[in-house]
Amino acid sequence: MIHVVATIDLAEGKRDDFLQIFRQVVPKVHGEAGCLEYGGAIDLAADMPMLGPVRQNTVTVIERWESVETLQAHLASDHMVAFRENVKDLVKNIGLKLLEPAS
């Protein structure tokens, strides 16, 4: 199993537009072979000193896949190719972390 954390920085004020498109692709991703978890999250404001400021223009996608191969198939799927095309004018930057369990 692998974990994926994708941090998507969006154009100013475009988070709701992005999330509307993102929510349409989530059920398709859940139906993919090897998908164990896939969902978007936004910063939560909390009074905790270790937290930085809330990022109003960022969506974090948290994923778990059976393997790197199933992740690669996900990235090449028709619905993800179309999704990336549909949001390309909204996205400024994407940071991607691939992780494996430590224990």
PDB file of N, CA and C in Angstrom:
ATOM      1  N   MET A   1       0.836  -1.173   0.000  1.00  0.00           N
ATOM      2  CA  MET A   1       0.000   0.000   0.000  1.00  0.00           C
ATOM      3  C   MET A   1       0.886   1.244   0.000  1.00  0.00           C
ATOM      4  N   ILE A   2       0.411   2.281  -0.703  1.00  0.00           N
ATOM      5  CA  ILE A   2       1.110   3.563  -0.691  1.00  0.00           C
ATOM      6  C   ILE A   2       0.121   4.668  -0.340  1.00  0.00           C
ATOM      7  N   HIS A   3       0.667   5.756   0.166  1.00  0.00           N
ATOM      8  CA  HIS A   3      -0.105   6.951   0.475  1.00  0.00           C
ATOM      9  C   HIS A   3       0.329   8.051  -0.493  1.00  0.00           C
ATOM     10  N   VAL A   4      -0.618   8.880  -0.878  1.00  0.00           N
ATOM     11  CA  VAL A   4      -0.332  10.018  -1.740  1.00  0.00           C
ATOM     12  C   VAL A   4      -0.949  11.251  -1.093  1.00  0.00           C
ATOM     13  N   VAL A   5      -0.153  12.318  -1.019  1.00  0.00           N
ATOM     14  CA  VAL A   5      -0.665  13.610  -0.566  1.00  0.00           C
ATOM     15  C   VAL A   5      -0.358  14.599  -1.682  1.00  0.00           C
ATOM     16  N   ALA A   6      -1.411  15.105  -2.312  1.00  0.00           N
ATOM     17  CA  ALA A   6      -1.261  16.075  -3.388  1.00  0.00           C
ATOM     18  C   ALA A   6      -1.757  17.426  -2.880  1.00  0.00           C
ATOM     19  N   THR A   7      -0.885  18.411  -2.912  1.00  0.00           N
ATOM     20  CA  THR A   7      -1.244  19.761  -2.501  1.00  0.00           C
ATOM     21  C   THR A   7      -1.428  20.587  -3.764  1.00  0.00           C
ATOM     22  N   ILE A   8      -2.645  21.092  -3.943  1.00  0.00           N
ATOM     23  CA  ILE A   8      -2.986  21.800  -5.169  1.00  0.00           C
ATOM     24  C   ILE A   8      -3.235  23.266  -4.842  1.00  0.00           C
ATOM     25  N   ASP A   9      -2.344  24.115  -5.307  1.00  0.00           N
ATOM     26  CA  ASP A   9      -2.485  25.555  -5.128  1.00  0.00           C
ATOM     27  C   ASP A   9      -3.248  26.109  -6.317  1.00  0.00           C
ATOM     28  N   LEU A  10      -4.288  26.874  -6.008  1.00  0.00           N
ATOM     29  CA  LEU A  10      -5.211  27.352  -7.026  1.00  0.00           C
ATOM     30  C   LEU A  10      -5.094  28.851  -7.230  1.00  0.00           C
ATOM     31  N   ALA A  11      -5.573  29.300  -8.375  1.00  0.00           N
ATOM     32  CA  ALA A  11      -5.649  30.727  -8.639  1.00  0.00           C
ATOM     33  C   ALA A  11      -6.552  31.375  -7.588  1.00  0.00           C
ATOM     34  N   GLU A  12      -6.266  32.604  -7.278  1.00  0.00           N
ATOM     35  CA  GLU A  12      -7.011  33.363  -6.265  1.00  0.00           C
ATOM     36  C   GLU A  12      -8.515  33.264  -6.498  1.00  0.00           C
ATOM     37  N   GLY A  13      -9.226  32.819  -5.455  1.00  0.00           N
ATOM     38  CA  GLY A  13     -10.675  32.774  -5.496  1.00  0.00           C
ATOM     39  C   GLY A  13     -11.280  31.661  -6.322  1.00  0.00           C
ATOM     40  N   LYS A  14     -10.500  30.680  -6.730  1.00  0.00           N
ATOM     41  CA  LYS A  14     -10.994  29.621  -7.615  1.00  0.00           C
ATOM     42  C   LYS A  14     -11.218  28.274  -6.911  1.00  0.00           C
ATOM     43  N   ARG A  15     -11.088  28.238  -5.588  1.00  0.00           N
ATOM     44  CA  ARG A  15     -11.222  26.970  -4.878  1.00  0.00           C
ATOM     45  C   ARG A  15     -12.600  26.338  -5.067  1.00  0.00           C
ATOM     46  N   ASP A  16     -13.668  27.113  -4.959  1.00  0.00           N
ATOM     47  CA  ASP A  16     -15.006  26.549  -5.109  1.00  0.00           C
ATOM     48  C   ASP A  16     -15.220  26.005  -6.518  1.00  0.00           C
ATOM     49  N   ASP A  17     -14.706  26.714  -7.530  1.00  0.00           N
ATOM     50  CA  ASP A  17     -14.813  26.232  -8.907  1.00  0.00           C
ATOM     51  C   ASP A  17     -14.082  24.900  -9.061  1.00  0.00           C
ATOM     52  N   PHE A  18     -12.877  24.821  -8.491  1.00  0.00           N
ATOM     53  CA  PHE A  18     -12.094  23.588  -8.557  1.00  0.00           C
ATOM     54  C   PHE A  18     -12.846  22.449  -7.867  1.00  0.00           C
ATOM     55  N   LEU A  19     -13.360  22.707  -6.660  1.00  0.00           N
ATOM     56  CA  LEU A  19     -14.030  21.653  -5.895  1.00  0.00           C
ATOM     57  C   LEU A  19     -15.288  21.146  -6.596  1.00  0.00           C
ATOM     58  N   GLN A  20     -15.969  22.006  -7.300  1.00  0.00           N
ATOM     59  CA  GLN A  20     -17.151  21.577  -8.045  1.00  0.00           C
ATOM     60  C   GLN A  20     -16.763  20.543  -9.106  1.00  0.00           C
ATOM     61  N   ILE A  21     -15.682  20.778  -9.807  1.00  0.00           N
ATOM     62  CA  ILE A  21     -15.204  19.832 -10.831  1.00  0.00           C
ATOM     63  C   ILE A  21     -14.632  18.587 -10.159  1.00  0.00           C
ATOM     64  N   PHE A  22     -13.869  18.776  -9.082  1.00  0.00           N
ATOM     65  CA  PHE A  22     -13.251  17.666  -8.363  1.00  0.00           C
ATOM     66  C   PHE A  22     -14.300  16.677  -7.856  1.00  0.00           C
ATOM     67  N   ARG A  23     -15.373  17.191  -7.288  1.00  0.00           N
ATOM     68  CA  ARG A  23     -16.417  16.312  -6.725  1.00  0.00           C
ATOM     69  C   ARG A  23     -17.050  15.419  -7.785  1.00  0.00           C
ATOM     70  N   GLN A  24     -17.015  15.839  -9.031  1.00  0.00           N
ATOM     71  CA  GLN A  24     -17.575  15.021 -10.111  1.00  0.00           C
ATOM     72  C   GLN A  24     -16.690  13.834 -10.462  1.00  0.00           C
ATOM     73  N   VAL A  25     -15.381  13.963 -10.241  1.00  0.00           N
ATOM     74  CA  VAL A  25     -14.465  12.883 -10.604  1.00  0.00           C
ATOM     75  C   VAL A  25     -14.260  11.881  -9.457  1.00  0.00           C
ATOM     76  N   VAL A  26     -14.543  12.282  -8.224  1.00  0.00           N
ATOM     77  CA  VAL A  26     -14.279  11.412  -7.070  1.00  0.00           C
ATOM     78  C   VAL A  26     -14.953  10.048  -7.197  1.00  0.00           C
ATOM     79  N   PRO A  27     -16.247   9.956  -7.532  1.00  0.00           N
ATOM     80  CA  PRO A  27     -16.853   8.612  -7.645  1.00  0.00           C
ATOM     81  C   PRO A  27     -16.186   7.734  -8.700  1.00  0.00           C
ATOM     82  N   LYS A  28     -15.710   8.338  -9.774  1.00  0.00           N
ATOM     83  CA  LYS A  28     -15.012   7.569 -10.806  1.00  0.00           C
ATOM     84  C   LYS A  28     -13.705   7.009 -10.263  1.00  0.00           C
ATOM     85  N   VAL A  29     -12.989   7.809  -9.485  1.00  0.00           N
ATOM     86  CA  VAL A  29     -11.734   7.351  -8.891  1.00  0.00           C
ATOM     87  C   VAL A  29     -12.006   6.239  -7.884  1.00  0.00           C
ATOM     88  N   HIS A  30     -13.047   6.393  -7.074  1.00  0.00           N
ATOM     89  CA  HIS A  30     -13.382   5.344  -6.105  1.00  0.00           C
ATOM     90  C   HIS A  30     -13.655   4.012  -6.785  1.00  0.00           C
ATOM     91  N   GLY A  31     -14.100   4.030  -8.027  1.00  0.00           N
ATOM     92  CA  GLY A  31     -14.373   2.808  -8.764  1.00  0.00           C
ATOM     93  C   GLY A  31     -13.158   2.177  -9.422  1.00  0.00           C
ATOM     94  N   GLU A  32     -12.016   2.825  -9.337  1.00  0.00           N
ATOM     95  CA  GLU A  32     -10.808   2.296  -9.979  1.00  0.00           C
ATOM     96  C   GLU A  32     -10.218   1.133  -9.184  1.00  0.00           C
ATOM     97  N   ALA A  33      -9.638   0.194  -9.904  1.00  0.00           N
ATOM     98  CA  ALA A  33      -8.920  -0.906  -9.266  1.00  0.00           C
ATOM     99  C   ALA A  33      -7.758  -0.338  -8.464  1.00  0.00           C
ATOM    100  N   GLY A  34      -7.628  -0.779  -7.232  1.00  0.00           N
ATOM    101  CA  GLY A  34      -6.499  -0.373  -6.406  1.00  0.00           C
ATOM    102  C   GLY A  34      -6.720   0.864  -5.565  1.00  0.00           C
ATOM    103  N   CYS A  35      -7.851   1.553  -5.745  1.00  0.00           N
ATOM    104  CA  CYS A  35      -8.116   2.748  -4.945  1.00  0.00           C
ATOM    105  C   CYS A  35      -8.652   2.335  -3.579  1.00  0.00           C
ATOM    106  N   LEU A  36      -7.934   2.716  -2.534  1.00  0.00           N
ATOM    107  CA  LEU A  36      -8.356   2.424  -1.168  1.00  0.00           C
ATOM    108  C   LEU A  36      -8.957   3.654  -0.493  1.00  0.00           C
ATOM    109  N   GLU A  37      -8.532   4.820  -0.912  1.00  0.00           N
ATOM    110  CA  GLU A  37      -9.041   6.076  -0.353  1.00  0.00           C
ATOM    111  C   GLU A  37      -8.707   7.200  -1.324  1.00  0.00           C
ATOM    112  N   TYR A  38      -9.631   8.139  -1.479  1.00  0.00           N
ATOM    113  CA  TYR A  38      -9.397   9.279  -2.351  1.00  0.00           C
ATOM    114  C   TYR A  38     -10.380  10.366  -1.967  1.00  0.00           C
ATOM    115  N   GLY A  39      -9.872  11.504  -1.521  1.00  0.00           N
ATOM    116  CA  GLY A  39     -10.765  12.594  -1.162  1.00  0.00           C
ATOM    117  C   GLY A  39     -10.015  13.897  -0.994  1.00  0.00           C
ATOM    118  N   GLY A  40     -10.754  14.976  -1.129  1.00  0.00           N
ATOM    119  CA  GLY A  40     -10.186  16.303  -0.981  1.00  0.00           C
ATOM    120  C   GLY A  40     -10.402  16.838   0.429  1.00  0.00           C
ATOM    121  N   ALA A  41      -9.508  17.740   0.827  1.00  0.00           N
ATOM    122  CA  ALA A  41      -9.605  18.381   2.135  1.00  0.00           C
ATOM    123  C   ALA A  41      -9.114  19.820   2.002  1.00  0.00           C
ATOM    124  N   ILE A  42      -9.685  20.681   2.839  1.00  0.00           N
ATOM    125  CA  ILE A  42      -9.241  22.072   2.879  1.00  0.00           C
ATOM    126  C   ILE A  42      -8.804  22.392   4.300  1.00  0.00           C
ATOM    127  N   ASP A  43      -7.976  23.428   4.418  1.00  0.00           N
ATOM    128  CA  ASP A  43      -7.442  23.806   5.727  1.00  0.00           C
ATOM    129  C   ASP A  43      -8.560  24.130   6.706  1.00  0.00           C
ATOM    130  N   LEU A  44      -8.362  23.701   7.931  1.00  0.00           N
ATOM    131  CA  LEU A  44      -9.283  23.970   9.026  1.00  0.00           C
ATOM    132  C   LEU A  44      -8.648  24.997   9.951  1.00  0.00           C
ATOM    133  N   ALA A  45      -9.350  26.056  10.231  1.00  0.00           N
ATOM    134  CA  ALA A  45      -8.854  27.064  11.167  1.00  0.00           C
ATOM    135  C   ALA A  45      -9.001  26.529  12.585  1.00  0.00           C
ATOM    136  N   ALA A  46      -7.918  26.562  13.328  1.00  0.00           N
ATOM    137  CA  ALA A  46      -7.937  26.106  14.722  1.00  0.00           C
ATOM    138  C   ALA A  46      -6.903  26.911  15.494  1.00  0.00           C
ATOM    139  N   ASP A  47      -7.160  27.113  16.741  1.00  0.00           N
ATOM    140  CA  ASP A  47      -6.245  27.884  17.588  1.00  0.00           C
ATOM    141  C   ASP A  47      -5.145  26.958  18.099  1.00  0.00           C
ATOM    142  N   MET A  48      -4.201  26.672  17.204  1.00  0.00           N
ATOM    143  CA  MET A  48      -3.085  25.807  17.536  1.00  0.00           C
ATOM    144  C   MET A  48      -1.822  26.468  17.009  1.00  0.00           C
ATOM    145  N   PRO A  49      -0.857  26.750  17.885  1.00  0.00           N
ATOM    146  CA  PRO A  49       0.315  27.529  17.480  1.00  0.00           C
ATOM    147  C   PRO A  49       1.128  26.921  16.337  1.00  0.00           C
ATOM    148  N   MET A  50       1.105  25.597  16.194  1.00  0.00           N
ATOM    149  CA  MET A  50       1.942  24.980  15.162  1.00  0.00           C
ATOM    150  C   MET A  50       1.344  25.099  13.767  1.00  0.00           C
ATOM    151  N   LEU A  51       0.102  25.526  13.680  1.00  0.00           N
ATOM    152  CA  LEU A  51      -0.540  25.686  12.378  1.00  0.00           C
ATOM    153  C   LEU A  51      -0.202  27.047  11.788  1.00  0.00           C
ATOM    154  N   GLY A  52       0.037  27.055  10.515  1.00  0.00           N
ATOM    155  CA  GLY A  52       0.231  28.321   9.817  1.00  0.00           C
ATOM    156  C   GLY A  52      -1.127  28.913   9.481  1.00  0.00           C
ATOM    157  N   PRO A  53      -1.115  29.969   8.710  1.00  0.00           N
ATOM    158  CA  PRO A  53      -2.390  30.565   8.312  1.00  0.00           C
ATOM    159  C   PRO A  53      -3.178  29.628   7.399  1.00  0.00           C
ATOM    160  N   VAL A  54      -4.476  29.762   7.442  1.00  0.00           N
ATOM    161  CA  VAL A  54      -5.348  28.968   6.573  1.00  0.00           C
ATOM    162  C   VAL A  54      -5.077  29.350   5.121  1.00  0.00           C
ATOM    163  N   ARG A  55      -4.901  28.336   4.297  1.00  0.00           N
ATOM    164  CA  ARG A  55      -4.656  28.556   2.865  1.00  0.00           C
ATOM    165  C   ARG A  55      -5.995  28.507   2.134  1.00  0.00           C
ATOM    166  N   GLN A  56      -6.505  29.671   1.791  1.00  0.00           N
ATOM    167  CA  GLN A  56      -7.826  29.785   1.166  1.00  0.00           C
ATOM    168  C   GLN A  56      -7.852  29.276  -0.272  1.00  0.00           C
ATOM    169  N   ASN A  57      -6.700  29.164  -0.888  1.00  0.00           N
ATOM    170  CA  ASN A  57      -6.628  28.781  -2.299  1.00  0.00           C
ATOM    171  C   ASN A  57      -5.890  27.464  -2.496  1.00  0.00           C
ATOM    172  N   THR A  58      -6.018  26.566  -1.512  1.00  0.00           N
ATOM    173  CA  THR A  58      -5.335  25.274  -1.582  1.00  0.00           C
ATOM    174  C   THR A  58      -6.312  24.153  -1.271  1.00  0.00           C
ATOM    175  N   VAL A  59      -6.215  23.068  -2.053  1.00  0.00           N
ATOM    176  CA  VAL A  59      -6.941  21.833  -1.775  1.00  0.00           C
ATOM    177  C   VAL A  59      -5.896  20.740  -1.648  1.00  0.00           C
ATOM    178  N   THR A  60      -6.026  19.928  -0.616  1.00  0.00           N
ATOM    179  CA  THR A  60      -5.141  18.787  -0.424  1.00  0.00           C
ATOM    180  C   THR A  60      -5.931  17.524  -0.735  1.00  0.00           C
ATOM    181  N   VAL A  61      -5.386  16.686  -1.590  1.00  0.00           N
ATOM    182  CA  VAL A  61      -6.025  15.420  -1.929  1.00  0.00           C
ATOM    183  C   VAL A  61      -5.255  14.321  -1.210  1.00  0.00           C
ATOM    184  N   ILE A  62      -5.985  13.549  -0.441  1.00  0.00           N
ATOM    185  CA  ILE A  62      -5.393  12.475   0.365  1.00  0.00           C
ATOM    186  C   ILE A  62      -5.838  11.153  -0.245  1.00  0.00           C
ATOM    187  N   GLU A  63      -4.855  10.320  -0.576  1.00  0.00           N
ATOM    188  CA  GLU A  63      -5.136   9.096  -1.316  1.00  0.00           C
ATOM    189  C   GLU A  63      -4.390   7.910  -0.702  1.00  0.00           C
ATOM    190  N   ARG A  64      -4.962   6.726  -0.880  1.00  0.00           N
ATOM    191  CA  ARG A  64      -4.258   5.473  -0.601  1.00  0.00           C
ATOM    192  C   ARG A  64      -4.521   4.536  -1.778  1.00  0.00           C
ATOM    193  N   TRP A  65      -3.447   3.923  -2.241  1.00  0.00           N
ATOM    194  CA  TRP A  65      -3.515   3.008  -3.383  1.00  0.00           C
ATOM    195  C   TRP A  65      -2.848   1.698  -3.014  1.00  0.00           C
ATOM    196  N   GLU A  66      -3.256   0.621  -3.672  1.00  0.00           N
ATOM    197  CA  GLU A  66      -2.660  -0.686  -3.419  1.00  0.00           C
ATOM    198  C   GLU A  66      -1.185  -0.720  -3.791  1.00  0.00           C
ATOM    199  N   SER A  67      -0.799   0.035  -4.840  1.00  0.00           N
ATOM    200  CA  SER A  67       0.580  -0.022  -5.323  1.00  0.00           C
ATOM    201  C   SER A  67       0.880   1.197  -6.190  1.00  0.00           C
ATOM    202  N   VAL A  68       2.145   1.373  -6.495  1.00  0.00           N
ATOM    203  CA  VAL A  68       2.546   2.433  -7.421  1.00  0.00           C
ATOM    204  C   VAL A  68       1.911   2.186  -8.791  1.00  0.00           C
ATOM    205  N   GLU A  69       1.811   0.933  -9.181  1.00  0.00           N
ATOM    206  CA  GLU A  69       1.237   0.597 -10.484  1.00  0.00           C
ATOM    207  C   GLU A  69      -0.235   1.018 -10.576  1.00  0.00           C
ATOM    208  N   THR A  70      -1.001   0.816  -9.489  1.00  0.00           N
ATOM    209  CA  THR A  70      -2.409   1.233  -9.540  1.00  0.00           C
ATOM    210  C   THR A  70      -2.508   2.756  -9.535  1.00  0.00           C
ATOM    211  N   LEU A  71      -1.593   3.441  -8.872  1.00  0.00           N
ATOM    212  CA  LEU A  71      -1.556   4.903  -8.931  1.00  0.00           C
ATOM    213  C   LEU A  71      -1.245   5.368 -10.350  1.00  0.00           C
ATOM    214  N   GLN A  72      -0.281   4.732 -10.990  1.00  0.00           N
ATOM    215  CA  GLN A  72       0.069   5.112 -12.360  1.00  0.00           C
ATOM    216  C   GLN A  72      -1.112   4.902 -13.314  1.00  0.00           C
ATOM    217  N   ALA A  73      -1.843   3.814 -13.128  1.00  0.00           N
ATOM    218  CA  ALA A  73      -3.029   3.573 -13.955  1.00  0.00           C
ATOM    219  C   ALA A  73      -4.083   4.648 -13.707  1.00  0.00           C
ATOM    220  N   HIS A  74      -4.240   5.050 -12.462  1.00  0.00           N
ATOM    221  CA  HIS A  74      -5.162   6.135 -12.105  1.00  0.00           C
ATOM    222  C   HIS A  74      -4.791   7.416 -12.843  1.00  0.00           C
ATOM    223  N   LEU A  75      -3.530   7.769 -12.799  1.00  0.00           N
ATOM    224  CA  LEU A  75      -3.083   9.015 -13.420  1.00  0.00           C
ATOM    225  C   LEU A  75      -3.286   9.005 -14.934  1.00  0.00           C
ATOM    226  N   ALA A  76      -3.258   7.836 -15.540  1.00  0.00           N
ATOM    227  CA  ALA A  76      -3.422   7.713 -16.989  1.00  0.00           C
ATOM    228  C   ALA A  76      -4.873   7.486 -17.412  1.00  0.00           C
ATOM    229  N   SER A  77      -5.778   7.328 -16.460  1.00  0.00           N
ATOM    230  CA  SER A  77      -7.173   7.032 -16.799  1.00  0.00           C
ATOM    231  C   SER A  77      -7.800   8.188 -17.578  1.00  0.00           C
ATOM    232  N   ASP A  78      -8.778   7.852 -18.410  1.00  0.00           N
ATOM    233  CA  ASP A  78      -9.439   8.863 -19.238  1.00  0.00           C
ATOM    234  C   ASP A  78     -10.059   9.973 -18.397  1.00  0.00           C
ATOM    235  N   HIS A  79     -10.695   9.594 -17.275  1.00  0.00           N
ATOM    236  CA  HIS A  79     -11.361  10.629 -16.471  1.00  0.00           C
ATOM    237  C   HIS A  79     -10.362  11.555 -15.777  1.00  0.00           C
ATOM    238  N   MET A  80      -9.158  11.060 -15.461  1.00  0.00           N
ATOM    239  CA  MET A  80      -8.165  11.952 -14.856  1.00  0.00           C
ATOM    240  C   MET A  80      -7.506  12.841 -15.899  1.00  0.00           C
ATOM    241  N   VAL A  81      -7.311  12.330 -17.096  1.00  0.00           N
ATOM    242  CA  VAL A  81      -6.790  13.170 -18.189  1.00  0.00           C
ATOM    243  C   VAL A  81      -7.787  14.302 -18.451  1.00  0.00           C
ATOM    244  N   ALA A  82      -9.079  13.978 -18.515  1.00  0.00           N
ATOM    245  CA  ALA A  82     -10.111  14.996 -18.735  1.00  0.00           C
ATOM    246  C   ALA A  82     -10.180  15.964 -17.561  1.00  0.00           C
ATOM    247  N   PHE A  83     -10.068  15.445 -16.335  1.00  0.00           N
ATOM    248  CA  PHE A  83     -10.100  16.302 -15.149  1.00  0.00           C
ATOM    249  C   PHE A  83      -8.972  17.331 -15.187  1.00  0.00           C
ATOM    250  N   ARG A  84      -7.755  16.873 -15.475  1.00  0.00           N
ATOM    251  CA  ARG A  84      -6.625  17.806 -15.525  1.00  0.00           C
ATOM    252  C   ARG A  84      -6.842  18.884 -16.589  1.00  0.00           C
ATOM    253  N   GLU A  85      -7.424  18.507 -17.697  1.00  0.00           N
ATOM    254  CA  GLU A  85      -7.733  19.486 -18.746  1.00  0.00           C
ATOM    255  C   GLU A  85      -8.784  20.490 -18.253  1.00  0.00           C
ATOM    256  N   ASN A  86      -9.785  20.002 -17.541  1.00  0.00           N
ATOM    257  CA  ASN A  86     -10.873  20.857 -17.064  1.00  0.00           C
ATOM    258  C   ASN A  86     -10.446  21.850 -15.990  1.00  0.00           C
ATOM    259  N   VAL A  87      -9.398  21.524 -15.225  1.00  0.00           N
ATOM    260  CA  VAL A  87      -8.981  22.415 -14.132  1.00  0.00           C
ATOM    261  C   VAL A  87      -7.680  23.160 -14.421  1.00  0.00           C
ATOM    262  N   LYS A  88      -7.109  22.969 -15.597  1.00  0.00           N
ATOM    263  CA  LYS A  88      -5.777  23.528 -15.865  1.00  0.00           C
ATOM    264  C   LYS A  88      -5.722  25.041 -15.690  1.00  0.00           C
ATOM    265  N   ASP A  89      -6.794  25.761 -15.971  1.00  0.00           N
ATOM    266  CA  ASP A  89      -6.777  27.216 -15.822  1.00  0.00           C
ATOM    267  C   ASP A  89      -7.005  27.657 -14.377  1.00  0.00           C
ATOM    268  N   LEU A  90      -7.349  26.723 -13.507  1.00  0.00           N
ATOM    269  CA  LEU A  90      -7.581  27.027 -12.094  1.00  0.00           C
ATOM    270  C   LEU A  90      -6.351  26.742 -11.237  1.00  0.00           C
ATOM    271  N   VAL A  91      -5.498  25.836 -11.695  1.00  0.00           N
ATOM    272  CA  VAL A  91      -4.373  25.338 -10.897  1.00  0.00           C
ATOM    273  C   VAL A  91      -3.110  26.146 -11.178  1.00  0.00           C
ATOM    274  N   LYS A  92      -2.468  26.582 -10.077  1.00  0.00           N
ATOM    275  CA  LYS A  92      -1.191  27.290 -10.192  1.00  0.00           C
ATOM    276  C   LYS A  92      -0.021  26.342  -9.997  1.00  0.00           C
ATOM    277  N   ASN A  93      -0.142  25.397  -9.064  1.00  0.00           N
ATOM    278  CA  ASN A  93       0.976  24.513  -8.738  1.00  0.00           C
ATOM    279  C   ASN A  93       0.435  23.258  -8.059  1.00  0.00           C
ATOM    280  N   ILE A  94       1.146  22.136  -8.273  1.00  0.00           N
ATOM    281  CA  ILE A  94       0.801  20.886  -7.604  1.00  0.00           C
ATOM    282  C   ILE A  94       2.054  20.328  -6.955  1.00  0.00           C
ATOM    283  N   GLY A  95       1.944  20.018  -5.679  1.00  0.00           N
ATOM    284  CA  GLY A  95       3.015  19.322  -4.958  1.00  0.00           C
ATOM    285  C   GLY A  95       2.545  17.904  -4.673  1.00  0.00           C
ATOM    286  N   LEU A  96       3.397  16.929  -4.902  1.00  0.00           N
ATOM    287  CA  LEU A  96       3.015  15.531  -4.759  1.00  0.00           C
ATOM    288  C   LEU A  96       4.003  14.807  -3.865  1.00  0.00           C
ATOM    289  N   LYS A  97       3.480  14.083  -2.894  1.00  0.00           N
ATOM    290  CA  LYS A  97       4.300  13.244  -2.017  1.00  0.00           C
ATOM    291  C   LYS A  97       3.797  11.813  -2.101  1.00  0.00           C
ATOM    292  N   LEU A  98       4.693  10.881  -2.375  1.00  0.00           N
ATOM    293  CA  LEU A  98       4.395   9.455  -2.331  1.00  0.00           C
ATOM    294  C   LEU A  98       5.032   8.897  -1.077  1.00  0.00           C
ATOM    295  N   LEU A  99       4.258   8.200  -0.281  1.00  0.00           N
ATOM    296  CA  LEU A  99       4.734   7.697   0.991  1.00  0.00           C
ATOM    297  C   LEU A  99       4.399   6.214   1.125  1.00  0.00           C
ATOM    298  N   GLU A 100       5.210   5.534   1.923  1.00  0.00           N
ATOM    299  CA  GLU A 100       4.914   4.141   2.254  1.00  0.00           C
ATOM    300  C   GLU A 100       4.833   4.032   3.761  1.00  0.00           C
ATOM    301  N   PRO A 101       4.072   3.061   4.258  1.00  0.00           N
ATOM    302  CA  PRO A 101       3.946   2.904   5.692  1.00  0.00           C
ATOM    303  C   PRO A 101       5.317   2.693   6.351  1.00  0.00           C
ATOM    304  N   ALA A 102       5.505   3.298   7.500  1.00  0.00           N
ATOM    305  CA  ALA A 102       6.774   3.188   8.218  1.00  0.00           C
ATOM    306  C   ALA A 102       6.800   1.988   9.148  1.00  0.00           C
ATOM    307  N   SER A 103       5.656   1.417   9.405  1.00  0.00           N
ATOM    308  CA  SER A 103       5.636   0.263  10.308  1.00  0.00           C
ATOM    309  C   SER A 103       4.758  -0.840   9.787  1.00  0.00           C
TER     310      SER A 103
END
